[in-house]
């Protein structure tokens, strides 16, 4: 379970969250809110990418100094070096997190043909696939997916939904087409910001 307690986050004097509290208890949660209300910001905070906030973020009741050890994030907020190939990005993740090359994920998302393509040359759909593969390969207890179906073709979305239906980690996502994911048990939860 992910618990947010009294979260306050400010960008240039503009408050995004002000004493925000929430509990995400279901195994699969789809957070719903209009664009610009802080879903992506919340995800980077939970994942430990952004540490500039006040309040508490608890994972199964525990505070983690290094949340990235248990949380994997697939998001546009994580920028891959443009001069690297997709294979090099995945190899760096393998070495950093001591995980295997994700052959099943690569095959599932039909990404094999793009492994030796530089990040700068990937289409938006293939960049999204690289983000997803890079996060899911770590097999962490918590998986956060920021708009995972954005820019993906319908077949890739189907395969992603099937795959997520087999995972055991808690998955938190934002999505503009939540009906696609509701068939595998994603519960909708609105993002209330005070």
N, C-alpha and C. Protein backbone atom coordinates (compact mmCIF):
# COMPACT_ATOMS: atom_id res chain seq x y z
N UNK A 1 0.84 -1.18 0.00
CA UNK A 1 0.00 0.00 0.00
C UNK A 1 0.88 1.25 0.00
N UNK A 2 0.47 2.24 -0.77
CA UNK A 2 1.16 3.52 -0.83
C UNK A 2 0.33 4.53 -0.05
N UNK A 3 0.95 5.16 0.95
CA UNK A 3 0.26 6.16 1.75
C UNK A 3 0.95 7.51 1.61
N UNK A 4 0.16 8.52 1.35
CA UNK A 4 0.66 9.88 1.24
C UNK A 4 0.09 10.66 2.42
N UNK A 5 0.96 11.27 3.21
CA UNK A 5 0.50 12.00 4.40
C UNK A 5 1.01 13.44 4.38
N UNK A 6 0.05 14.37 4.38
CA UNK A 6 0.35 15.80 4.48
C UNK A 6 1.41 16.26 3.47
N UNK A 7 1.25 15.83 2.24
CA UNK A 7 2.20 16.17 1.19
C UNK A 7 2.01 17.61 0.73
N UNK A 8 3.09 18.36 0.75
CA UNK A 8 3.09 19.73 0.22
C UNK A 8 4.22 19.83 -0.80
N UNK A 9 3.87 20.29 -1.98
CA UNK A 9 4.83 20.44 -3.07
C UNK A 9 4.56 21.77 -3.76
N UNK A 10 5.62 22.58 -3.89
CA UNK A 10 5.49 23.90 -4.48
C UNK A 10 6.48 24.04 -5.63
N UNK A 11 6.00 24.58 -6.77
CA UNK A 11 6.86 24.93 -7.90
C UNK A 11 6.83 26.45 -8.04
N UNK A 12 7.96 27.11 -7.84
CA UNK A 12 8.04 28.57 -8.03
C UNK A 12 6.85 29.30 -7.39
N UNK A 13 6.66 29.04 -6.11
CA UNK A 13 5.59 29.65 -5.31
C UNK A 13 4.20 29.19 -5.68
N UNK A 14 4.08 28.28 -6.64
CA UNK A 14 2.78 27.74 -7.05
C UNK A 14 2.60 26.38 -6.38
N UNK A 15 1.59 26.28 -5.54
CA UNK A 15 1.36 25.04 -4.79
C UNK A 15 0.69 23.99 -5.68
N UNK A 16 1.32 22.83 -5.80
CA UNK A 16 0.73 21.71 -6.53
C UNK A 16 -0.05 20.84 -5.55
N UNK A 17 0.55 20.56 -4.40
CA UNK A 17 -0.11 19.82 -3.32
C UNK A 17 0.03 20.62 -2.03
N UNK A 18 -1.05 20.68 -1.28
CA UNK A 18 -1.03 21.38 -0.01
C UNK A 18 -1.66 20.49 1.06
N UNK A 19 -0.81 19.83 1.85
CA UNK A 19 -1.26 18.87 2.87
C UNK A 19 -2.15 17.77 2.28
N UNK A 20 -1.74 17.28 1.13
CA UNK A 20 -2.48 16.21 0.42
C UNK A 20 -2.29 14.88 1.13
N UNK A 21 -3.38 14.16 1.31
CA UNK A 21 -3.34 12.82 1.92
C UNK A 21 -4.10 11.84 1.03
N UNK A 22 -3.56 10.66 0.87
CA UNK A 22 -4.23 9.63 0.09
C UNK A 22 -3.65 8.26 0.44
N UNK A 23 -4.47 7.25 0.29
CA UNK A 23 -4.03 5.86 0.43
C UNK A 23 -4.40 5.13 -0.85
N UNK A 24 -3.43 4.47 -1.44
CA UNK A 24 -3.65 3.65 -2.62
C UNK A 24 -3.48 2.21 -2.17
N UNK A 25 -4.60 1.52 -1.91
CA UNK A 25 -4.56 0.21 -1.30
C UNK A 25 -4.69 -0.95 -2.28
N UNK A 26 -5.39 -0.74 -3.38
CA UNK A 26 -5.62 -1.82 -4.33
C UNK A 26 -4.32 -2.21 -5.03
N UNK A 27 -4.27 -3.43 -5.51
CA UNK A 27 -3.07 -3.89 -6.22
C UNK A 27 -2.86 -3.10 -7.50
N UNK A 28 -3.95 -2.71 -8.15
CA UNK A 28 -3.87 -1.95 -9.40
C UNK A 28 -4.77 -0.73 -9.30
N UNK A 29 -4.16 0.45 -9.40
CA UNK A 29 -4.90 1.70 -9.24
C UNK A 29 -4.65 2.60 -10.44
N UNK A 30 -5.73 3.14 -11.00
CA UNK A 30 -5.64 4.13 -12.06
C UNK A 30 -6.09 5.46 -11.48
N UNK A 31 -5.16 6.40 -11.38
CA UNK A 31 -5.47 7.72 -10.84
C UNK A 31 -6.06 8.57 -11.96
N UNK A 32 -7.21 9.18 -11.66
CA UNK A 32 -7.88 10.01 -12.65
C UNK A 32 -7.89 11.46 -12.22
N UNK A 33 -7.55 12.34 -13.14
CA UNK A 33 -7.60 13.78 -12.93
C UNK A 33 -7.33 14.46 -14.27
N UNK A 34 -7.87 15.65 -14.46
CA UNK A 34 -7.55 16.38 -15.69
C UNK A 34 -6.05 16.68 -15.76
N UNK A 35 -5.59 16.97 -16.95
CA UNK A 35 -4.18 17.34 -17.15
C UNK A 35 -3.82 18.55 -16.30
N UNK A 36 -2.60 18.53 -15.77
CA UNK A 36 -2.10 19.68 -15.04
C UNK A 36 -2.41 19.72 -13.56
N UNK A 37 -3.03 18.67 -13.03
CA UNK A 37 -3.37 18.67 -11.60
C UNK A 37 -2.36 17.97 -10.72
N UNK A 38 -1.29 17.41 -11.30
CA UNK A 38 -0.22 16.88 -10.47
C UNK A 38 0.01 15.39 -10.48
N UNK A 39 -0.62 14.65 -11.41
CA UNK A 39 -0.41 13.20 -11.43
C UNK A 39 1.06 12.85 -11.65
N UNK A 40 1.66 13.43 -12.67
CA UNK A 40 3.07 13.14 -12.98
C UNK A 40 3.98 13.58 -11.84
N UNK A 41 3.68 14.72 -11.25
CA UNK A 41 4.47 15.21 -10.12
C UNK A 41 4.38 14.23 -8.96
N UNK A 42 3.17 13.76 -8.66
CA UNK A 42 2.98 12.79 -7.58
C UNK A 42 3.81 11.53 -7.84
N UNK A 43 3.82 11.07 -9.08
CA UNK A 43 4.56 9.86 -9.42
C UNK A 43 6.07 10.04 -9.20
N UNK A 44 6.60 11.20 -9.60
CA UNK A 44 8.05 11.41 -9.40
C UNK A 44 8.39 11.52 -7.91
N UNK A 45 7.46 12.03 -7.13
CA UNK A 45 7.68 12.10 -5.68
C UNK A 45 7.67 10.71 -5.05
N UNK A 46 6.70 9.89 -5.41
CA UNK A 46 6.61 8.53 -4.86
C UNK A 46 7.86 7.73 -5.25
N UNK A 47 8.30 7.90 -6.49
CA UNK A 47 9.45 7.13 -6.99
C UNK A 47 10.79 7.65 -6.47
N UNK A 48 10.79 8.79 -5.79
CA UNK A 48 12.03 9.32 -5.26
C UNK A 48 12.86 10.09 -6.27
N UNK A 49 12.30 10.40 -7.42
CA UNK A 49 13.00 11.17 -8.44
C UNK A 49 13.08 12.63 -8.00
N UNK A 50 12.02 13.12 -7.40
CA UNK A 50 11.95 14.49 -6.89
C UNK A 50 11.86 14.40 -5.37
N UNK A 51 12.82 14.99 -4.68
CA UNK A 51 12.86 14.92 -3.22
C UNK A 51 12.48 16.24 -2.56
N UNK A 52 12.12 17.24 -3.34
CA UNK A 52 11.81 18.57 -2.80
C UNK A 52 10.33 18.67 -2.43
N UNK A 53 9.99 18.16 -1.26
CA UNK A 53 8.61 18.21 -0.78
C UNK A 53 8.60 18.11 0.74
N UNK A 54 7.47 18.41 1.32
CA UNK A 54 7.25 18.21 2.74
C UNK A 54 6.14 17.18 2.90
N UNK A 55 6.19 16.42 3.97
CA UNK A 55 5.19 15.39 4.20
C UNK A 55 5.83 14.02 4.18
N UNK A 56 5.00 13.00 4.13
CA UNK A 56 5.49 11.61 4.15
C UNK A 56 4.92 10.81 3.00
N UNK A 57 5.77 9.96 2.46
CA UNK A 57 5.34 8.96 1.48
C UNK A 57 5.78 7.62 2.05
N UNK A 58 4.80 6.76 2.35
CA UNK A 58 5.08 5.48 2.99
C UNK A 58 4.71 4.34 2.04
N UNK A 59 5.57 3.36 1.98
CA UNK A 59 5.36 2.16 1.17
C UNK A 59 5.23 0.99 2.13
N UNK A 60 4.03 0.41 2.20
CA UNK A 60 3.72 -0.61 3.19
C UNK A 60 4.08 -0.14 4.60
N UNK A 61 3.76 1.10 4.88
CA UNK A 61 3.98 1.67 6.20
C UNK A 61 5.40 2.07 6.51
N UNK A 62 6.31 1.93 5.56
CA UNK A 62 7.72 2.25 5.79
C UNK A 62 8.16 3.45 4.98
N UNK A 63 9.07 4.21 5.57
CA UNK A 63 9.71 5.32 4.87
C UNK A 63 11.02 4.80 4.27
N UNK A 64 11.24 5.04 3.00
CA UNK A 64 12.46 4.59 2.33
C UNK A 64 13.34 5.80 2.00
N UNK A 65 14.60 5.75 2.42
CA UNK A 65 15.54 6.80 2.04
C UNK A 65 15.86 6.74 0.55
N UNK A 66 15.80 5.53 -0.01
CA UNK A 66 16.04 5.32 -1.44
C UNK A 66 14.84 4.60 -2.03
N UNK A 67 13.74 5.32 -2.27
CA UNK A 67 12.54 4.65 -2.79
C UNK A 67 12.74 3.95 -4.13
N UNK A 68 13.74 4.40 -4.91
CA UNK A 68 13.98 3.76 -6.20
C UNK A 68 14.37 2.29 -6.06
N UNK A 69 14.76 1.89 -4.86
CA UNK A 69 15.10 0.48 -4.66
C UNK A 69 13.87 -0.42 -4.70
N UNK A 70 12.68 0.16 -4.47
CA UNK A 70 11.45 -0.64 -4.47
C UNK A 70 10.39 -0.11 -5.44
N UNK A 71 10.64 1.05 -6.04
CA UNK A 71 9.68 1.66 -6.97
C UNK A 71 10.33 1.85 -8.33
N UNK A 72 9.67 1.38 -9.37
CA UNK A 72 10.12 1.63 -10.75
C UNK A 72 9.10 2.53 -11.42
N UNK A 73 9.59 3.53 -12.13
CA UNK A 73 8.73 4.52 -12.78
C UNK A 73 8.97 4.54 -14.27
N UNK A 74 7.89 4.46 -15.05
CA UNK A 74 7.94 4.66 -16.50
C UNK A 74 7.26 5.99 -16.78
N UNK A 75 8.05 6.97 -17.21
CA UNK A 75 7.52 8.32 -17.34
C UNK A 75 8.39 9.15 -18.27
N UNK A 76 7.78 10.17 -18.88
CA UNK A 76 8.55 11.12 -19.68
C UNK A 76 9.48 11.93 -18.79
N UNK A 77 9.25 11.91 -17.47
CA UNK A 77 10.10 12.65 -16.53
C UNK A 77 11.50 12.05 -16.44
N UNK A 78 11.63 10.79 -16.84
CA UNK A 78 12.95 10.14 -16.87
C UNK A 78 13.49 10.27 -18.29
N UNK A 79 14.51 11.07 -18.43
CA UNK A 79 15.06 11.34 -19.76
C UNK A 79 16.29 10.47 -19.99
N UNK A 80 16.25 9.69 -21.05
CA UNK A 80 17.39 8.85 -21.42
C UNK A 80 18.36 9.66 -22.27
N UNK A 81 19.68 9.43 -22.12
CA UNK A 81 20.65 10.13 -22.97
C UNK A 81 20.39 9.83 -24.44
N UNK A 82 20.24 10.88 -25.24
CA UNK A 82 19.85 10.72 -26.63
C UNK A 82 20.88 10.01 -27.49
N UNK A 83 22.16 10.04 -27.08
CA UNK A 83 23.23 9.44 -27.89
C UNK A 83 23.35 7.94 -27.67
N UNK A 84 22.68 7.40 -26.64
CA UNK A 84 22.72 5.95 -26.37
C UNK A 84 21.70 5.23 -27.23
N UNK A 85 21.97 3.95 -27.49
CA UNK A 85 20.96 3.12 -28.14
C UNK A 85 20.04 2.57 -27.06
N UNK A 86 18.90 2.07 -27.48
CA UNK A 86 17.96 1.47 -26.54
C UNK A 86 18.62 0.30 -25.79
N UNK A 87 19.41 -0.50 -26.50
CA UNK A 87 20.09 -1.62 -25.87
C UNK A 87 21.05 -1.13 -24.77
N UNK A 88 21.75 -0.02 -25.05
CA UNK A 88 22.68 0.52 -24.05
C UNK A 88 21.93 1.02 -22.81
N UNK A 89 20.78 1.64 -23.02
CA UNK A 89 19.96 2.08 -21.89
C UNK A 89 19.57 0.88 -21.03
N UNK A 90 19.08 -0.17 -21.67
CA UNK A 90 18.64 -1.36 -20.93
C UNK A 90 19.83 -2.05 -20.27
N UNK A 91 20.99 -2.05 -20.92
CA UNK A 91 22.20 -2.65 -20.32
C UNK A 91 22.62 -1.89 -19.07
N UNK A 92 22.50 -0.57 -19.10
CA UNK A 92 22.83 0.23 -17.91
C UNK A 92 21.88 -0.11 -16.76
N UNK A 93 20.61 -0.29 -17.08
CA UNK A 93 19.63 -0.66 -16.05
C UNK A 93 19.96 -2.05 -15.50
N UNK A 94 20.35 -2.97 -16.39
CA UNK A 94 20.73 -4.32 -15.94
C UNK A 94 21.87 -4.25 -14.93
N UNK A 95 22.88 -3.47 -15.25
CA UNK A 95 24.04 -3.37 -14.36
C UNK A 95 23.71 -2.65 -13.06
N UNK A 96 22.96 -1.56 -13.16
CA UNK A 96 22.64 -0.76 -11.97
C UNK A 96 21.73 -1.51 -10.99
N UNK A 97 20.76 -2.23 -11.53
CA UNK A 97 19.75 -2.87 -10.68
C UNK A 97 19.90 -4.38 -10.62
N UNK A 98 20.96 -4.91 -11.24
CA UNK A 98 21.25 -6.35 -11.20
C UNK A 98 20.05 -7.19 -11.63
N UNK A 99 19.56 -6.88 -12.82
CA UNK A 99 18.46 -7.65 -13.38
C UNK A 99 18.87 -8.13 -14.78
N UNK A 100 18.11 -9.06 -15.31
CA UNK A 100 18.44 -9.67 -16.60
C UNK A 100 17.86 -8.85 -17.76
N UNK A 101 18.43 -9.07 -18.94
CA UNK A 101 17.88 -8.43 -20.15
C UNK A 101 16.43 -8.91 -20.29
N UNK A 102 15.48 -8.01 -20.44
CA UNK A 102 14.06 -8.37 -20.43
C UNK A 102 13.55 -8.88 -21.77
N UNK A 103 14.05 -10.04 -22.16
CA UNK A 103 13.70 -10.59 -23.48
C UNK A 103 12.19 -10.73 -23.67
N UNK A 104 11.48 -11.17 -22.62
CA UNK A 104 10.03 -11.36 -22.72
C UNK A 104 9.33 -10.03 -22.99
N UNK A 105 9.73 -8.99 -22.26
CA UNK A 105 9.12 -7.67 -22.45
C UNK A 105 9.44 -7.10 -23.83
N UNK A 106 10.67 -7.29 -24.26
CA UNK A 106 11.09 -6.80 -25.58
C UNK A 106 10.26 -7.48 -26.67
N UNK A 107 10.10 -8.77 -26.54
CA UNK A 107 9.31 -9.52 -27.52
C UNK A 107 7.83 -9.13 -27.45
N UNK A 108 7.31 -9.03 -26.24
CA UNK A 108 5.90 -8.70 -26.04
C UNK A 108 5.54 -7.37 -26.70
N UNK A 109 6.42 -6.38 -26.57
CA UNK A 109 6.14 -5.05 -27.14
C UNK A 109 6.74 -4.88 -28.54
N UNK A 110 7.21 -5.99 -29.12
CA UNK A 110 7.77 -5.99 -30.48
C UNK A 110 8.81 -4.87 -30.64
N UNK A 111 9.78 -4.90 -29.73
CA UNK A 111 10.80 -3.85 -29.69
C UNK A 111 12.16 -4.31 -30.18
N UNK A 112 12.30 -5.59 -30.51
CA UNK A 112 13.60 -6.15 -30.91
C UNK A 112 14.27 -5.37 -32.03
N UNK A 113 13.51 -4.96 -33.02
CA UNK A 113 14.06 -4.27 -34.18
C UNK A 113 14.60 -2.88 -33.85
N UNK A 114 14.31 -2.38 -32.65
CA UNK A 114 14.70 -1.01 -32.30
C UNK A 114 15.78 -0.96 -31.21
N UNK A 115 16.29 -2.12 -30.81
CA UNK A 115 17.28 -2.15 -29.74
C UNK A 115 18.55 -1.39 -30.08
N UNK A 116 18.93 -1.37 -31.34
CA UNK A 116 20.16 -0.69 -31.73
C UNK A 116 19.91 0.70 -32.31
N UNK A 117 18.72 1.22 -32.07
CA UNK A 117 18.37 2.58 -32.49
C UNK A 117 18.72 3.55 -31.36
N UNK A 118 19.31 4.68 -31.74
CA UNK A 118 19.61 5.71 -30.74
C UNK A 118 18.31 6.28 -30.17
N UNK A 119 18.35 6.65 -28.91
CA UNK A 119 17.17 7.22 -28.25
C UNK A 119 16.65 8.41 -29.05
N UNK A 120 17.54 9.23 -29.57
CA UNK A 120 17.13 10.43 -30.32
C UNK A 120 16.35 10.09 -31.58
N UNK A 121 16.51 8.87 -32.11
CA UNK A 121 15.84 8.47 -33.35
C UNK A 121 14.58 7.64 -33.12
N UNK A 122 14.26 7.34 -31.87
CA UNK A 122 13.06 6.55 -31.59
C UNK A 122 11.80 7.39 -31.78
N UNK A 123 10.78 6.77 -32.35
CA UNK A 123 9.48 7.44 -32.45
C UNK A 123 8.91 7.60 -31.04
N UNK A 124 7.86 8.39 -30.90
CA UNK A 124 7.26 8.58 -29.57
C UNK A 124 6.71 7.26 -29.04
N UNK A 125 6.16 6.43 -29.92
CA UNK A 125 5.65 5.12 -29.50
C UNK A 125 6.77 4.20 -29.02
N UNK A 126 7.89 4.19 -29.75
CA UNK A 126 9.00 3.33 -29.33
C UNK A 126 9.73 3.87 -28.11
N UNK A 127 9.74 5.18 -27.94
CA UNK A 127 10.30 5.74 -26.71
C UNK A 127 9.44 5.34 -25.51
N UNK A 128 8.12 5.33 -25.69
CA UNK A 128 7.22 4.89 -24.61
C UNK A 128 7.48 3.42 -24.30
N UNK A 129 7.69 2.60 -25.32
CA UNK A 129 8.00 1.18 -25.10
C UNK A 129 9.29 1.03 -24.31
N UNK A 130 10.31 1.83 -24.65
CA UNK A 130 11.58 1.77 -23.93
C UNK A 130 11.38 2.15 -22.47
N UNK A 131 10.59 3.19 -22.21
CA UNK A 131 10.29 3.59 -20.83
C UNK A 131 9.64 2.43 -20.06
N UNK A 132 8.66 1.80 -20.69
CA UNK A 132 7.93 0.70 -20.03
C UNK A 132 8.84 -0.49 -19.76
N UNK A 133 9.60 -0.89 -20.77
CA UNK A 133 10.50 -2.04 -20.61
C UNK A 133 11.52 -1.74 -19.52
N UNK A 134 12.09 -0.54 -19.55
CA UNK A 134 13.11 -0.14 -18.59
C UNK A 134 12.59 -0.19 -17.15
N UNK A 135 11.35 0.19 -16.94
CA UNK A 135 10.77 0.15 -15.59
C UNK A 135 10.35 -1.27 -15.20
N UNK A 136 9.64 -1.94 -16.09
CA UNK A 136 9.08 -3.26 -15.74
C UNK A 136 10.14 -4.33 -15.57
N UNK A 137 11.30 -4.18 -16.23
CA UNK A 137 12.35 -5.20 -16.13
C UNK A 137 12.91 -5.32 -14.72
N UNK A 138 12.77 -4.27 -13.92
CA UNK A 138 13.31 -4.27 -12.56
C UNK A 138 12.48 -5.11 -11.60
N UNK A 139 11.23 -5.38 -11.95
CA UNK A 139 10.35 -6.25 -11.14
C UNK A 139 10.33 -5.83 -9.67
N UNK A 140 10.11 -4.54 -9.44
CA UNK A 140 10.06 -3.99 -8.10
C UNK A 140 8.68 -4.24 -7.47
N UNK A 141 8.58 -4.13 -6.13
CA UNK A 141 7.27 -4.30 -5.49
C UNK A 141 6.24 -3.25 -5.93
N UNK A 142 6.73 -2.07 -6.34
CA UNK A 142 5.84 -0.99 -6.78
C UNK A 142 6.23 -0.56 -8.19
N UNK A 143 5.22 -0.48 -9.06
CA UNK A 143 5.43 -0.07 -10.45
C UNK A 143 4.52 1.12 -10.72
N UNK A 144 5.09 2.20 -11.21
CA UNK A 144 4.30 3.40 -11.52
C UNK A 144 4.42 3.69 -13.01
N UNK A 145 3.27 3.79 -13.66
CA UNK A 145 3.22 3.99 -15.10
C UNK A 145 2.47 5.29 -15.41
N UNK A 146 3.19 6.26 -15.94
CA UNK A 146 2.60 7.55 -16.28
C UNK A 146 2.17 7.52 -17.74
N UNK A 147 0.86 7.47 -17.95
CA UNK A 147 0.29 7.39 -19.30
C UNK A 147 0.93 6.28 -20.13
N UNK A 148 0.84 5.03 -19.68
CA UNK A 148 1.53 3.94 -20.39
C UNK A 148 1.02 3.65 -21.79
N UNK A 149 -0.23 3.99 -22.08
CA UNK A 149 -0.76 3.69 -23.42
C UNK A 149 -0.58 4.84 -24.40
N UNK A 150 -0.07 5.98 -23.92
CA UNK A 150 0.13 7.13 -24.81
C UNK A 150 1.12 6.78 -25.91
N UNK A 151 0.76 7.05 -27.13
CA UNK A 151 1.60 6.86 -28.32
C UNK A 151 1.76 5.39 -28.73
N UNK A 152 1.15 4.46 -28.00
CA UNK A 152 1.26 3.05 -28.37
C UNK A 152 0.17 2.67 -29.36
N UNK A 153 0.49 1.77 -30.28
CA UNK A 153 -0.52 1.23 -31.18
C UNK A 153 -1.44 0.29 -30.40
N UNK A 154 -2.60 0.00 -30.95
CA UNK A 154 -3.61 -0.79 -30.22
C UNK A 154 -3.11 -2.19 -29.86
N UNK A 155 -2.33 -2.81 -30.73
CA UNK A 155 -1.81 -4.15 -30.43
C UNK A 155 -0.85 -4.11 -29.24
N UNK A 156 0.00 -3.10 -29.18
CA UNK A 156 0.93 -2.97 -28.05
C UNK A 156 0.17 -2.71 -26.76
N UNK A 157 -0.90 -1.93 -26.83
CA UNK A 157 -1.71 -1.69 -25.64
C UNK A 157 -2.33 -3.00 -25.16
N UNK A 158 -2.85 -3.80 -26.08
CA UNK A 158 -3.43 -5.11 -25.72
C UNK A 158 -2.39 -5.98 -25.02
N UNK A 159 -1.20 -6.03 -25.57
CA UNK A 159 -0.15 -6.86 -24.98
C UNK A 159 0.28 -6.34 -23.62
N UNK A 160 0.34 -5.02 -23.47
CA UNK A 160 0.68 -4.43 -22.18
C UNK A 160 -0.38 -4.78 -21.14
N UNK A 161 -1.65 -4.67 -21.51
CA UNK A 161 -2.74 -5.01 -20.59
C UNK A 161 -2.64 -6.47 -20.17
N UNK A 162 -2.41 -7.35 -21.13
CA UNK A 162 -2.26 -8.78 -20.81
C UNK A 162 -1.11 -9.00 -19.83
N UNK A 163 0.02 -8.35 -20.09
CA UNK A 163 1.19 -8.52 -19.23
C UNK A 163 0.91 -8.02 -17.82
N UNK A 164 0.35 -6.83 -17.71
CA UNK A 164 0.07 -6.26 -16.39
C UNK A 164 -0.91 -7.12 -15.60
N UNK A 165 -1.75 -7.84 -16.30
CA UNK A 165 -2.70 -8.75 -15.63
C UNK A 165 -2.02 -9.93 -14.97
N UNK A 166 -0.75 -10.17 -15.29
CA UNK A 166 -0.02 -11.31 -14.72
C UNK A 166 0.96 -10.90 -13.62
N UNK A 167 1.11 -9.60 -13.40
CA UNK A 167 2.12 -9.15 -12.44
C UNK A 167 1.57 -9.15 -11.01
N UNK A 168 2.47 -9.23 -10.05
CA UNK A 168 2.05 -9.28 -8.65
C UNK A 168 2.39 -8.01 -7.88
N UNK A 169 3.13 -7.08 -8.51
CA UNK A 169 3.49 -5.86 -7.80
C UNK A 169 2.29 -4.91 -7.75
N UNK A 170 2.34 -3.93 -6.85
CA UNK A 170 1.30 -2.92 -6.84
C UNK A 170 1.60 -1.94 -7.98
N UNK A 171 0.62 -1.72 -8.82
CA UNK A 171 0.80 -0.85 -9.98
C UNK A 171 -0.10 0.36 -9.85
N UNK A 172 0.52 1.52 -9.97
CA UNK A 172 -0.19 2.80 -9.92
C UNK A 172 0.02 3.45 -11.27
N UNK A 173 -1.07 3.93 -11.89
CA UNK A 173 -0.93 4.51 -13.21
C UNK A 173 -1.86 5.69 -13.40
N UNK A 174 -1.53 6.50 -14.39
CA UNK A 174 -2.46 7.50 -14.90
C UNK A 174 -2.74 7.10 -16.34
N UNK A 175 -3.95 7.38 -16.79
CA UNK A 175 -4.30 6.91 -18.12
C UNK A 175 -5.53 7.66 -18.62
N UNK A 176 -5.53 8.02 -19.90
CA UNK A 176 -6.69 8.69 -20.48
C UNK A 176 -7.72 7.70 -21.01
N UNK A 177 -7.38 6.42 -21.04
CA UNK A 177 -8.34 5.41 -21.47
C UNK A 177 -8.42 4.29 -20.43
N UNK A 178 -8.91 4.60 -19.21
CA UNK A 178 -8.90 3.62 -18.13
C UNK A 178 -9.76 2.39 -18.37
N UNK A 179 -10.75 2.48 -19.26
CA UNK A 179 -11.61 1.32 -19.53
C UNK A 179 -10.80 0.14 -20.05
N UNK A 180 -9.75 0.43 -20.81
CA UNK A 180 -8.91 -0.63 -21.37
C UNK A 180 -8.26 -1.44 -20.25
N UNK A 181 -7.89 -0.77 -19.15
CA UNK A 181 -7.18 -1.43 -18.07
C UNK A 181 -8.12 -1.94 -16.97
N UNK A 182 -9.36 -1.50 -16.97
CA UNK A 182 -10.29 -1.93 -15.91
C UNK A 182 -10.59 -3.42 -15.99
N UNK A 183 -10.46 -4.03 -17.17
CA UNK A 183 -10.76 -5.46 -17.30
C UNK A 183 -9.75 -6.35 -16.58
N UNK A 184 -8.60 -5.79 -16.19
CA UNK A 184 -7.64 -6.58 -15.40
C UNK A 184 -7.58 -6.08 -13.96
N UNK A 185 -8.63 -5.38 -13.56
CA UNK A 185 -8.77 -5.04 -12.15
C UNK A 185 -8.21 -3.70 -11.71
N UNK A 186 -7.91 -2.79 -12.63
CA UNK A 186 -7.46 -1.47 -12.21
C UNK A 186 -8.64 -0.71 -11.64
N UNK A 187 -8.53 -0.31 -10.38
CA UNK A 187 -9.55 0.47 -9.73
C UNK A 187 -9.29 1.95 -10.00
N UNK A 188 -10.33 2.67 -10.32
CA UNK A 188 -10.21 4.09 -10.57
C UNK A 188 -10.25 4.85 -9.25
N UNK A 189 -9.33 5.79 -9.12
CA UNK A 189 -9.29 6.62 -7.90
C UNK A 189 -9.00 8.05 -8.33
N UNK A 190 -9.92 8.96 -8.04
CA UNK A 190 -9.66 10.36 -8.41
C UNK A 190 -8.55 10.97 -7.58
N UNK A 191 -7.82 11.89 -8.20
CA UNK A 191 -6.79 12.62 -7.50
C UNK A 191 -7.42 13.89 -6.96
N UNK A 192 -7.62 13.92 -5.65
CA UNK A 192 -8.19 15.12 -5.03
C UNK A 192 -7.06 15.97 -4.52
N UNK A 193 -7.01 17.18 -4.99
CA UNK A 193 -5.98 18.11 -4.52
C UNK A 193 -6.66 19.25 -3.79
N UNK A 194 -6.23 19.50 -2.55
CA UNK A 194 -6.85 20.56 -1.76
C UNK A 194 -6.36 21.90 -2.24
